[in-house]
Every structure is written in structure tokens, then in C-alpha cells.
Amino acid sequence: MYYMKLAFTWDENKNASNKQKHGVSFEEASTIFNSSPLEIFEDPDHSDAEDRYIAVGFSDKARALIVVHCENNVGTEIRIISARKATNKERTEVFGG
């Protein structure tokens, strides 16, 4: 099995405001990309300038998170745009339960 090493980027001011608003740092949000299960959906409704995605997975703190992000053309760099805790309804819809 082959795993690509992912690099993560984000705006530090956005990270600080996201932590204050949602209680989730982008550092923690980046850990969902190493989790299983991980579901990723396209998000065409929120940007015309770039392809955005919504990832749902569990962080290294065992919290179910929703992470909005973009990827570079080869999928090795992820720019995190926002992150928050998944609602119970979202967890059930994505992971069952």
C-alpha cells in the first residue's frame, strides 16, 4: 500500500479566528486526513475560483470534525479553510449509528 505524505497550509489569522469561533485549531483539523473512516465530498456551491472539498473524519483527539479545504493539482498539499465539530446529525449521516 502506498501513502503520499501530505503537506498542510493555512492562514494563521483564520486559524486563530476559527479556534475562537469553533474551538478547533487547524493543527487538530489536519489530523483527520490520517484517520479512518474519512469521507471527502466536493463542495462546488461555495467557490467558483477553486475546487473546494468537505472532509469528515476523526481527529487525533477523537472528535468528529468537518474540514473545508482545497488541494493542489497532485493532491499532496491541502489548504485548510475552516474546521468545526460535526453535529450529531452529520455524524449519523456520514458514519451511520
PDB file of N, CA and C in Angstrom:
ATOM      1  N   MET A   1       0.851  -1.172   0.000  1.00  0.00           N
ATOM      2  CA  MET A   1       0.000   0.000   0.000  1.00  0.00           C
ATOM      3  C   MET A   1       0.896   1.233   0.000  1.00  0.00           C
ATOM      4  N   TYR A   2       0.518   2.250  -0.792  1.00  0.00           N
ATOM      5  CA  TYR A   2       1.320   3.460  -0.938  1.00  0.00           C
ATOM      6  C   TYR A   2       0.591   4.637  -0.298  1.00  0.00           C
ATOM      7  N   TYR A   3       1.274   5.372   0.553  1.00  0.00           N
ATOM      8  CA  TYR A   3       0.715   6.568   1.168  1.00  0.00           C
ATOM      9  C   TYR A   3       1.533   7.775   0.749  1.00  0.00           C
ATOM     10  N   MET A   4       0.851   8.827   0.299  1.00  0.00           N
ATOM     11  CA  MET A   4       1.527  10.075  -0.021  1.00  0.00           C
ATOM     12  C   MET A   4       1.653  10.909   1.240  1.00  0.00           C
ATOM     13  N   LYS A   5       2.773  11.575   1.390  1.00  0.00           N
ATOM     14  CA  LYS A   5       2.928  12.495   2.509  1.00  0.00           C
ATOM     15  C   LYS A   5       2.207  13.787   2.154  1.00  0.00           C
ATOM     16  N   LEU A   6       1.318  14.205   3.010  1.00  0.00           N
ATOM     17  CA  LEU A   6       0.552  15.416   2.780  1.00  0.00           C
ATOM     18  C   LEU A   6       1.189  16.591   3.503  1.00  0.00           C
ATOM     19  N   ALA A   7       1.141  17.742   2.873  1.00  0.00           N
ATOM     20  CA  ALA A   7       1.564  18.992   3.498  1.00  0.00           C
ATOM     21  C   ALA A   7       0.305  19.826   3.722  1.00  0.00           C
ATOM     22  N   PHE A   8       0.273  20.552   4.815  1.00  0.00           N
ATOM     23  CA  PHE A   8      -0.890  21.366   5.152  1.00  0.00           C
ATOM     24  C   PHE A   8      -0.481  22.825   5.248  1.00  0.00           C
ATOM     25  N   THR A   9      -1.348  23.694   4.727  1.00  0.00           N
ATOM     26  CA  THR A   9      -1.139  25.131   4.838  1.00  0.00           C
ATOM     27  C   THR A   9      -2.444  25.769   5.286  1.00  0.00           C
ATOM     28  N   TRP A  10      -2.318  26.964   5.850  1.00  0.00           N
ATOM     29  CA  TRP A  10      -3.493  27.737   6.233  1.00  0.00           C
ATOM     30  C   TRP A  10      -3.060  29.144   6.584  1.00  0.00           C
ATOM     31  N   ASP A  11      -4.024  30.011   6.658  1.00  0.00           N
ATOM     32  CA  ASP A  11      -3.816  31.386   7.078  1.00  0.00           C
ATOM     33  C   ASP A  11      -3.849  31.420   8.607  1.00  0.00           C
ATOM     34  N   GLU A  12      -2.795  31.927   9.226  1.00  0.00           N
ATOM     35  CA  GLU A  12      -2.721  31.926  10.697  1.00  0.00           C
ATOM     36  C   GLU A  12      -3.796  32.794  11.340  1.00  0.00           C
ATOM     37  N   ASN A  13      -4.168  33.906  10.710  1.00  0.00           N
ATOM     38  CA  ASN A  13      -5.244  34.738  11.260  1.00  0.00           C
ATOM     39  C   ASN A  13      -6.571  33.984  11.220  1.00  0.00           C
ATOM     40  N   LYS A  14      -6.810  33.261  10.134  1.00  0.00           N
ATOM     41  CA  LYS A  14      -8.029  32.452  10.017  1.00  0.00           C
ATOM     42  C   LYS A  14      -8.015  31.311  11.035  1.00  0.00           C
ATOM     43  N   ASN A  15      -6.854  30.726  11.268  1.00  0.00           N
ATOM     44  CA  ASN A  15      -6.715  29.669  12.268  1.00  0.00           C
ATOM     45  C   ASN A  15      -7.106  30.203  13.647  1.00  0.00           C
ATOM     46  N   ALA A  16      -6.605  31.379  13.996  1.00  0.00           N
ATOM     47  CA  ALA A  16      -6.912  31.973  15.303  1.00  0.00           C
ATOM     48  C   ALA A  16      -8.402  32.264  15.434  1.00  0.00           C
ATOM     49  N   SER A  17      -9.014  32.827  14.395  1.00  0.00           N
ATOM     50  CA  SER A  17     -10.445  33.126  14.478  1.00  0.00           C
ATOM     51  C   SER A  17     -11.276  31.849  14.487  1.00  0.00           C
ATOM     52  N   ASN A  18     -10.821  30.812  13.774  1.00  0.00           N
ATOM     53  CA  ASN A  18     -11.530  29.536  13.771  1.00  0.00           C
ATOM     54  C   ASN A  18     -11.488  28.892  15.157  1.00  0.00           C
ATOM     55  N   LYS A  19     -10.323  28.961  15.818  1.00  0.00           N
ATOM     56  CA  LYS A  19     -10.203  28.412  17.182  1.00  0.00           C
ATOM     57  C   LYS A  19     -11.160  29.121  18.126  1.00  0.00           C
ATOM     58  N   GLN A  20     -11.247  30.443  17.993  1.00  0.00           N
ATOM     59  CA  GLN A  20     -12.128  31.212  18.872  1.00  0.00           C
ATOM     60  C   GLN A  20     -13.598  30.916  18.583  1.00  0.00           C
ATOM     61  N   LYS A  21     -13.958  30.845  17.310  1.00  0.00           N
ATOM     62  CA  LYS A  21     -15.359  30.650  16.930  1.00  0.00           C
ATOM     63  C   LYS A  21     -15.836  29.213  17.120  1.00  0.00           C
ATOM     64  N   HIS A  22     -15.009  28.230  16.732  1.00  0.00           N
ATOM     65  CA  HIS A  22     -15.446  26.830  16.712  1.00  0.00           C
ATOM     66  C   HIS A  22     -14.735  25.925  17.715  1.00  0.00           C
ATOM     67  N   GLY A  23     -13.674  26.428  18.357  1.00  0.00           N
ATOM     68  CA  GLY A  23     -12.941  25.598  19.313  1.00  0.00           C
ATOM     69  C   GLY A  23     -12.120  24.503  18.667  1.00  0.00           C
ATOM     70  N   VAL A  24     -11.772  24.686  17.382  1.00  0.00           N
ATOM     71  CA  VAL A  24     -10.990  23.687  16.651  1.00  0.00           C
ATOM     72  C   VAL A  24      -9.830  24.392  15.957  1.00  0.00           C
ATOM     73  N   SER A  25      -8.617  23.950  16.231  1.00  0.00           N
ATOM     74  CA  SER A  25      -7.451  24.508  15.545  1.00  0.00           C
ATOM     75  C   SER A  25      -7.251  23.790  14.217  1.00  0.00           C
ATOM     76  N   PHE A  26      -6.590  24.457  13.296  1.00  0.00           N
ATOM     77  CA  PHE A  26      -6.286  23.818  12.024  1.00  0.00           C
ATOM     78  C   PHE A  26      -5.243  22.722  12.204  1.00  0.00           C
ATOM     79  N   GLU A  27      -4.417  22.836  13.237  1.00  0.00           N
ATOM     80  CA  GLU A  27      -3.469  21.756  13.537  1.00  0.00           C
ATOM     81  C   GLU A  27      -4.229  20.474  13.847  1.00  0.00           C
ATOM     82  N   GLU A  28      -5.243  20.571  14.715  1.00  0.00           N
ATOM     83  CA  GLU A  28      -6.063  19.391  15.017  1.00  0.00           C
ATOM     84  C   GLU A  28      -6.828  18.942  13.775  1.00  0.00           C
ATOM     85  N   ALA A  29      -7.379  19.897  13.031  1.00  0.00           N
ATOM     86  CA  ALA A  29      -8.155  19.558  11.831  1.00  0.00           C
ATOM     87  C   ALA A  29      -7.326  18.753  10.835  1.00  0.00           C
ATOM     88  N   SER A  30      -6.048  19.061  10.721  1.00  0.00           N
ATOM     89  CA  SER A  30      -5.198  18.346   9.756  1.00  0.00           C
ATOM     90  C   SER A  30      -5.065  16.864  10.089  1.00  0.00           C
ATOM     91  N   THR A  31      -5.294  16.492  11.342  1.00  0.00           N
ATOM     92  CA  THR A  31      -5.114  15.091  11.740  1.00  0.00           C
ATOM     93  C   THR A  31      -6.217  14.175  11.223  1.00  0.00           C
ATOM     94  N   ILE A  32      -7.358  14.735  10.777  1.00  0.00           N
ATOM     95  CA  ILE A  32      -8.415  13.843  10.273  1.00  0.00           C
ATOM     96  C   ILE A  32      -8.002  13.155   8.985  1.00  0.00           C
ATOM     97  N   PHE A  33      -7.035  13.729   8.258  1.00  0.00           N
ATOM     98  CA  PHE A  33      -6.635  13.148   6.979  1.00  0.00           C
ATOM     99  C   PHE A  33      -5.822  11.866   7.154  1.00  0.00           C
ATOM    100  N   ASN A  34      -5.455  11.552   8.395  1.00  0.00           N
ATOM    101  CA  ASN A  34      -4.789  10.285   8.709  1.00  0.00           C
ATOM    102  C   ASN A  34      -5.739   9.306   9.380  1.00  0.00           C
ATOM    103  N   SER A  35      -7.030   9.665   9.459  1.00  0.00           N
ATOM    104  CA  SER A  35      -7.977   8.838  10.204  1.00  0.00           C
ATOM    105  C   SER A  35      -8.768   7.930   9.277  1.00  0.00           C
ATOM    106  N   SER A  36      -9.361   6.945   9.882  1.00  0.00           N
ATOM    107  CA  SER A  36     -10.275   6.067   9.186  1.00  0.00           C
ATOM    108  C   SER A  36     -11.454   5.842  10.121  1.00  0.00           C
ATOM    109  N   PRO A  37     -12.668   6.022   9.673  1.00  0.00           N
ATOM    110  CA  PRO A  37     -13.056   6.372   8.322  1.00  0.00           C
ATOM    111  C   PRO A  37     -12.849   7.862   8.037  1.00  0.00           C
ATOM    112  N   LEU A  38     -12.673   8.177   6.773  1.00  0.00           N
ATOM    113  CA  LEU A  38     -12.564   9.553   6.292  1.00  0.00           C
ATOM    114  C   LEU A  38     -13.413   9.657   5.037  1.00  0.00           C
ATOM    115  N   GLU A  39     -14.335  10.588   5.030  1.00  0.00           N
ATOM    116  CA  GLU A  39     -15.189  10.822   3.859  1.00  0.00           C
ATOM    117  C   GLU A  39     -14.890  12.214   3.323  1.00  0.00           C
ATOM    118  N   ILE A  40     -14.750  12.332   2.000  1.00  0.00           N
ATOM    119  CA  ILE A  40     -14.487  13.621   1.368  1.00  0.00           C
ATOM    120  C   ILE A  40     -15.512  13.835   0.265  1.00  0.00           C
ATOM    121  N   PHE A  41     -16.129  15.021   0.286  1.00  0.00           N
ATOM    122  CA  PHE A  41     -17.160  15.378  -0.673  1.00  0.00           C
ATOM    123  C   PHE A  41     -16.756  16.652  -1.406  1.00  0.00           C
ATOM    124  N   GLU A  42     -17.130  16.763  -2.678  1.00  0.00           N
ATOM    125  CA  GLU A  42     -16.921  18.011  -3.406  1.00  0.00           C
ATOM    126  C   GLU A  42     -17.868  19.071  -2.861  1.00  0.00           C
ATOM    127  N   ASP A  43     -17.433  20.329  -2.907  1.00  0.00           N
ATOM    128  CA  ASP A  43     -18.234  21.454  -2.419  1.00  0.00           C
ATOM    129  C   ASP A  43     -18.300  22.541  -3.496  1.00  0.00           C
ATOM    130  N   PRO A  44     -18.980  22.266  -4.619  1.00  0.00           N
ATOM    131  CA  PRO A  44     -18.985  23.219  -5.738  1.00  0.00           C
ATOM    132  C   PRO A  44     -19.784  24.491  -5.477  1.00  0.00           C
ATOM    133  N   ASP A  45     -20.642  24.487  -4.469  1.00  0.00           N
ATOM    134  CA  ASP A  45     -21.517  25.633  -4.220  1.00  0.00           C
ATOM    135  C   ASP A  45     -20.823  26.814  -3.558  1.00  0.00           C
ATOM    136  N   HIS A  46     -19.622  26.615  -3.019  1.00  0.00           N
ATOM    137  CA  HIS A  46     -19.013  27.673  -2.218  1.00  0.00           C
ATOM    138  C   HIS A  46     -17.788  28.330  -2.825  1.00  0.00           C
ATOM    139  N   SER A  47     -17.439  28.005  -4.055  1.00  0.00           N
ATOM    140  CA  SER A  47     -16.311  28.689  -4.689  1.00  0.00           C
ATOM    141  C   SER A  47     -16.317  28.449  -6.193  1.00  0.00           C
ATOM    142  N   ASP A  48     -16.200  29.539  -6.931  1.00  0.00           N
ATOM    143  CA  ASP A  48     -16.043  29.440  -8.380  1.00  0.00           C
ATOM    144  C   ASP A  48     -14.575  29.477  -8.769  1.00  0.00           C
ATOM    145  N   ALA A  49     -13.741  30.017  -7.891  1.00  0.00           N
ATOM    146  CA  ALA A  49     -12.328  30.236  -8.209  1.00  0.00           C
ATOM    147  C   ALA A  49     -11.459  29.001  -8.009  1.00  0.00           C
ATOM    148  N   GLU A  50     -11.907  28.061  -7.173  1.00  0.00           N
ATOM    149  CA  GLU A  50     -11.087  26.888  -6.864  1.00  0.00           C
ATOM    150  C   GLU A  50     -11.992  25.719  -6.509  1.00  0.00           C
ATOM    151  N   ASP A  51     -11.472  24.512  -6.609  1.00  0.00           N
ATOM    152  CA  ASP A  51     -12.217  23.323  -6.204  1.00  0.00           C
ATOM    153  C   ASP A  51     -12.106  23.174  -4.699  1.00  0.00           C
ATOM    154  N   ARG A  52     -13.248  23.176  -4.034  1.00  0.00           N
ATOM    155  CA  ARG A  52     -13.271  23.007  -2.582  1.00  0.00           C
ATOM    156  C   ARG A  52     -13.873  21.656  -2.235  1.00  0.00           C
ATOM    157  N   TYR A  53     -13.445  21.167  -1.080  1.00  0.00           N
ATOM    158  CA  TYR A  53     -13.900  19.871  -0.596  1.00  0.00           C
ATOM    159  C   TYR A  53     -14.284  19.971   0.872  1.00  0.00           C
ATOM    160  N   ILE A  54     -15.165  19.071   1.280  1.00  0.00           N
ATOM    161  CA  ILE A  54     -15.550  18.940   2.682  1.00  0.00           C
ATOM    162  C   ILE A  54     -15.120  17.555   3.126  1.00  0.00           C
ATOM    163  N   ALA A  55     -14.277  17.509   4.134  1.00  0.00           N
ATOM    164  CA  ALA A  55     -13.821  16.234   4.690  1.00  0.00           C
ATOM    165  C   ALA A  55     -14.474  16.038   6.051  1.00  0.00           C
ATOM    166  N   VAL A  56     -14.861  14.809   6.326  1.00  0.00           N
ATOM    167  CA  VAL A  56     -15.443  14.451   7.616  1.00  0.00           C
ATOM    168  C   VAL A  56     -14.658  13.267   8.150  1.00  0.00           C
ATOM    169  N   GLY A  57     -14.099  13.439   9.339  1.00  0.00           N
ATOM    170  CA  GLY A  57     -13.315  12.365   9.936  1.00  0.00           C
ATOM    171  C   GLY A  57     -13.057  12.644  11.400  1.00  0.00           C
ATOM    172  N   PHE A  58     -12.291  11.772  12.019  1.00  0.00           N
ATOM    173  CA  PHE A  58     -11.996  11.895  13.444  1.00  0.00           C
ATOM    174  C   PHE A  58     -10.577  12.406  13.640  1.00  0.00           C
ATOM    175  N   SER A  59     -10.450  13.391  14.529  1.00  0.00           N
ATOM    176  CA  SER A  59      -9.138  13.972  14.815  1.00  0.00           C
ATOM    177  C   SER A  59      -8.369  13.074  15.771  1.00  0.00           C
ATOM    178  N   ASP A  60      -7.126  13.447  16.021  1.00  0.00           N
ATOM    179  CA  ASP A  60      -6.325  12.694  16.981  1.00  0.00           C
ATOM    180  C   ASP A  60      -6.824  12.880  18.408  1.00  0.00           C
ATOM    181  N   LYS A  61      -7.808  13.766  18.605  1.00  0.00           N
ATOM    182  CA  LYS A  61      -8.467  13.932  19.906  1.00  0.00           C
ATOM    183  C   LYS A  61      -9.813  13.210  19.929  1.00  0.00           C
ATOM    184  N   ALA A  62     -10.044  12.357  18.921  1.00  0.00           N
ATOM    185  CA  ALA A  62     -11.260  11.537  18.804  1.00  0.00           C
ATOM    186  C   ALA A  62     -12.524  12.377  18.660  1.00  0.00           C
ATOM    187  N   ARG A  63     -12.392  13.558  18.068  1.00  0.00           N
ATOM    188  CA  ARG A  63     -13.557  14.399  17.803  1.00  0.00           C
ATOM    189  C   ARG A  63     -13.894  14.313  16.318  1.00  0.00           C
ATOM    190  N   ALA A  64     -15.182  14.140  16.012  1.00  0.00           N
ATOM    191  CA  ALA A  64     -15.626  14.142  14.615  1.00  0.00           C
ATOM    192  C   ALA A  64     -15.628  15.581  14.129  1.00  0.00           C
ATOM    193  N   LEU A  65     -14.875  15.843  13.046  1.00  0.00           N
ATOM    194  CA  LEU A  65     -14.734  17.200  12.535  1.00  0.00           C
ATOM    195  C   LEU A  65     -15.168  17.292  11.083  1.00  0.00           C
ATOM    196  N   ILE A  66     -15.637  18.481  10.725  1.00  0.00           N
ATOM    197  CA  ILE A  66     -15.916  18.867   9.347  1.00  0.00           C
ATOM    198  C   ILE A  66     -14.800  19.836   8.957  1.00  0.00           C
ATOM    199  N   VAL A  67     -14.061  19.535   7.889  1.00  0.00           N
ATOM    200  CA  VAL A  67     -12.943  20.377   7.464  1.00  0.00           C
ATOM    201  C   VAL A  67     -13.145  20.771   6.002  1.00  0.00           C
ATOM    202  N   VAL A  68     -13.281  22.070   5.766  1.00  0.00           N
ATOM    203  CA  VAL A  68     -13.374  22.597   4.405  1.00  0.00           C
ATOM    204  C   VAL A  68     -11.956  22.895   3.946  1.00  0.00           C
ATOM    205  N   HIS A  69     -11.625  22.423   2.735  1.00  0.00           N
ATOM    206  CA  HIS A  69     -10.249  22.577   2.269  1.00  0.00           C
ATOM    207  C   HIS A  69     -10.168  22.589   0.748  1.00  0.00           C
ATOM    208  N   CYS A  70      -8.993  22.958   0.254  1.00  0.00           N
ATOM    209  CA  CYS A  70      -8.635  22.881  -1.168  1.00  0.00           C
ATOM    210  C   CYS A  70      -7.400  22.010  -1.267  1.00  0.00           C
ATOM    211  N   GLU A  71      -7.183  21.449  -2.443  1.00  0.00           N
ATOM    212  CA  GLU A  71      -5.990  20.633  -2.680  1.00  0.00           C
ATOM    213  C   GLU A  71      -5.240  21.178  -3.883  1.00  0.00           C
ATOM    214  N   ASN A  72      -3.914  20.970  -3.900  1.00  0.00           N
ATOM    215  CA  ASN A  72      -3.168  21.332  -5.105  1.00  0.00           C
ATOM    216  C   ASN A  72      -3.452  20.303  -6.197  1.00  0.00           C
ATOM    217  N   ASN A  73      -2.921  20.510  -7.381  1.00  0.00           N
ATOM    218  CA  ASN A  73      -3.254  19.659  -8.533  1.00  0.00           C
ATOM    219  C   ASN A  73      -2.881  18.197  -8.368  1.00  0.00           C
ATOM    220  N   VAL A  74      -1.872  17.896  -7.573  1.00  0.00           N
ATOM    221  CA  VAL A  74      -1.469  16.499  -7.403  1.00  0.00           C
ATOM    222  C   VAL A  74      -1.938  15.918  -6.071  1.00  0.00           C
ATOM    223  N   GLY A  75      -2.672  16.704  -5.290  1.00  0.00           N
ATOM    224  CA  GLY A  75      -3.247  16.202  -4.054  1.00  0.00           C
ATOM    225  C   GLY A  75      -2.270  15.979  -2.921  1.00  0.00           C
ATOM    226  N   THR A  76      -1.112  16.640  -2.969  1.00  0.00           N
ATOM    227  CA  THR A  76      -0.125  16.458  -1.898  1.00  0.00           C
ATOM    228  C   THR A  76      -0.104  17.614  -0.913  1.00  0.00           C
ATOM    229  N   GLU A  77      -0.786  18.714  -1.246  1.00  0.00           N
ATOM    230  CA  GLU A  77      -0.854  19.853  -0.330  1.00  0.00           C
ATOM    231  C   GLU A  77      -2.310  20.227  -0.121  1.00  0.00           C
ATOM    232  N   ILE A  78      -2.684  20.341   1.130  1.00  0.00           N
ATOM    233  CA  ILE A  78      -4.053  20.680   1.498  1.00  0.00           C
ATOM    234  C   ILE A  78      -4.037  22.021   2.214  1.00  0.00           C
ATOM    235  N   ARG A  79      -4.865  22.949   1.712  1.00  0.00           N
ATOM    236  CA  ARG A  79      -5.017  24.248   2.381  1.00  0.00           C
ATOM    237  C   ARG A  79      -6.336  24.213   3.136  1.00  0.00           C
ATOM    238  N   ILE A  80      -6.252  24.311   4.450  1.00  0.00           N
ATOM    239  CA  ILE A  80      -7.442  24.262   5.294  1.00  0.00           C
ATOM    240  C   ILE A  80      -8.073  25.649   5.331  1.00  0.00           C
ATOM    241  N   ILE A  81      -9.379  25.685   5.096  1.00  0.00           N
ATOM    242  CA  ILE A  81     -10.136  26.935   5.051  1.00  0.00           C
ATOM    243  C   ILE A  81     -10.928  27.137   6.329  1.00  0.00           C
ATOM    244  N   SER A  82     -11.559  26.068   6.820  1.00  0.00           N
ATOM    245  CA  SER A  82     -12.309  26.146   8.076  1.00  0.00           C
ATOM    246  C   SER A  82     -12.479  24.748   8.650  1.00  0.00           C
ATOM    247  N   ALA A  83     -12.777  24.707   9.941  1.00  0.00           N
ATOM    248  CA  ALA A  83     -12.984  23.423  10.623  1.00  0.00           C
ATOM    249  C   ALA A  83     -13.910  23.641  11.810  1.00  0.00           C
ATOM    250  N   ARG A  84     -14.746  22.640  12.040  1.00  0.00           N
ATOM    251  CA  ARG A  84     -15.647  22.684  13.196  1.00  0.00           C
ATOM    252  C   ARG A  84     -16.003  21.269  13.593  1.00  0.00           C
ATOM    253  N   LYS A  85     -16.588  21.146  14.785  1.00  0.00           N
ATOM    254  CA  LYS A  85     -17.070  19.845  15.224  1.00  0.00           C
ATOM    255  C   LYS A  85     -18.306  19.473  14.404  1.00  0.00           C
ATOM    256  N   ALA A  86     -18.405  18.217  14.027  1.00  0.00           N
ATOM    257  CA  ALA A  86     -19.584  17.727  13.310  1.00  0.00           C
ATOM    258  C   ALA A  86     -20.752  17.636  14.282  1.00  0.00           C
ATOM    259  N   THR A  87     -21.937  17.939  13.796  1.00  0.00           N
ATOM    260  CA  THR A  87     -23.126  17.774  14.625  1.00  0.00           C
ATOM    261  C   THR A  87     -23.454  16.281  14.727  1.00  0.00           C
ATOM    262  N   ASN A  88     -24.289  15.933  15.686  1.00  0.00           N
ATOM    263  CA  ASN A  88     -24.713  14.530  15.812  1.00  0.00           C
ATOM    264  C   ASN A  88     -25.393  14.054  14.531  1.00  0.00           C
ATOM    265  N   LYS A  89     -26.206  14.916  13.916  1.00  0.00           N
ATOM    266  CA  LYS A  89     -26.892  14.561  12.673  1.00  0.00           C
ATOM    267  C   LYS A  89     -25.874  14.289  11.563  1.00  0.00           C
ATOM    268  N   GLU A  90     -24.858  15.135  11.446  1.00  0.00           N
ATOM    269  CA  GLU A  90     -23.828  14.934  10.419  1.00  0.00           C
ATOM    270  C   GLU A  90     -23.058  13.641  10.651  1.00  0.00           C
ATOM    271  N   ARG A  91     -22.728  13.369  11.897  1.00  0.00           N
ATOM    272  CA  ARG A  91     -22.016  12.122  12.216  1.00  0.00           C
ATOM    273  C   ARG A  91     -22.834  10.918  11.790  1.00  0.00           C
ATOM    274  N   THR A  92     -24.130  10.940  12.107  1.00  0.00           N
ATOM    275  CA  THR A  92     -25.009   9.826  11.768  1.00  0.00           C
ATOM    276  C   THR A  92     -25.161   9.682  10.255  1.00  0.00           C
ATOM    277  N   GLU A  93     -25.322  10.809   9.549  1.00  0.00           N
ATOM    278  CA  GLU A  93     -25.484  10.759   8.092  1.00  0.00           C
ATOM    279  C   GLU A  93     -24.250  10.194   7.401  1.00  0.00           C
ATOM    280  N   VAL A  94     -23.066  10.544   7.887  1.00  0.00           N
ATOM    281  CA  VAL A  94     -21.835  10.125   7.224  1.00  0.00           C
ATOM    282  C   VAL A  94     -21.378   8.745   7.685  1.00  0.00           C
ATOM    283  N   PHE A  95     -21.407   8.503   8.990  1.00  0.00           N
ATOM    284  CA  PHE A  95     -20.830   7.279   9.536  1.00  0.00           C
ATOM    285  C   PHE A  95     -21.859   6.260  10.004  1.00  0.00           C
ATOM    286  N   GLY A  96     -23.139   6.623   9.958  1.00  0.00           N
ATOM    287  CA  GLY A  96     -24.163   5.711  10.463  1.00  0.00           C
ATOM    288  C   GLY A  96     -24.213   5.766  11.982  1.00  0.00           C
ATOM    289  N   GLY A  97     -25.038   4.948  12.546  1.00  0.00           N
ATOM    290  CA  GLY A  97     -25.049   4.970  14.002  1.00  0.00           C
ATOM    291  C   GLY A  97     -26.327   4.783  14.587  1.00  0.00           C
TER     292      GLY A  97
END
